[in-house]
Every structure is written in C-alpha cells, then in structure tokens.
C-alpha cells in the first residue's frame, strides 16, 4: 500500500515538473503578458527641518513615524530580451503616515497623513537563467504618483500639514519568479525614495511651518500574479 502511494506521488510530481518546465519555456517566448500586483507597504517621510525661528519655538522637536498601507496594480510586461523586461504597473496605493511632535509642555501630538495615490511606475527587470521553474531578478526604475487625498488647497484647519498632489521617486528591489503550469508567481521587495519636495509651505500653520522640505519613502512587499 505504501509503495503504491509512493509511486502515485512520484508520477504526479513528475507530471507537474514536466508541465512547469514546459511553462517556463512557453512563457519565455512571449513578448507581452499581463497580471495583477497585490501588496502591503510601510512608509514615512524624510524631513528637512526649517531653520529655527521665533514663531516656531512652540515645537521642541518632531520626527516621522512609519505607517501602513496597501496597493493594487495591473501589470503590463514587455519581454524585449531573454534577460530583460520593461514593466509598467499602474496602481492604486493607500498610505497612512505619521509625524510626531513634542511641544514646550512635553505633550506629544501625532499628525496623521493619509494619502491615496494613483501610481505609475516604469521599471526595468533583469532576470537570471531559469533553474527548472525558478528565476531570481533585480528591478529598478522611476515612478510618478498623483495624490487624490492631497490637502494642498485646504483653507480651514490651522493644525494641518499641507502636501502637494505630485510626487516622483526612484525605485529598486529584488524578487524571484516561480513558474506554475498556467501562471507565474513573483514575490517582490521594492524600496522607493522620493526626489520631489512634496511639502507645501504655509507660514500660518503651526505644524507645517517647522518643515522646510519633505520627501516620501516606502518599503513594499508585493505578490505578482502574471502569465
């Protein structure tokens, strides 16, 4: 009985391995294919402090704090070379970040910054040689983001931090591709560093006037399903 089960397992495993290896070969010949990207992210801001002024001395210090988020995207992959892909992944990204302030009375004030981005990354991916149904890759590129939840035009609250609608960042990361019979599963880690100042300075805002420049930063873990 045990021998029969073992033989059955080996047969099933052999068929699966053959299919997976065949799938690597077939997908390796496709120039264009699509997929979806599901991910979670954590992020904060790199902040450049405003030089000390008398009107900002009510704040002892402030610091950015990490906050969570998630993203959903559509993958458009162009395989223009055996080892290189050009990838365009328009995404909807939700992000919550926090800046923590301390005033002269040692009170801690947390300012939450929520963003909903339309994200447009363009990335170049370099892939290793396949090892059966497995490949490793590195990825790098740039992205443009438009913040649908930007408060840059808000006029009411005096205790907000105004951020602009537009952002751009450099991105890089690593991942690996696992080939299944009908799709590719690609877990991926990506880091993003903004290079546009997203802070909209306003002298009358208590928590905003302490900041000279702000840049976005994030770390994303994504599962890509494509094929």
Foldseek 3Di string as FASTA:
>chain_A
DVVVVVVVVVVVVVVFLVLQLVQCVVVLPDFKWKWKKKKKKKKKKDFDWDPDDPLQQQWPDKDKDIWIKIKIWMWIWGCPDSFKIKIWIFMWIWIKIWMWIQGPVRDIDIAIDIWIKGKIWIKMKGWDPDDRQKIKIKMWTKMKIFTPPFCQPPDPDQAHWGWAGIWMWIKIWIWMWGGGNPKIKIWIKMKIKIDDFGGDADCRRNVHPRTDGIIMIMIMIMIIIMD
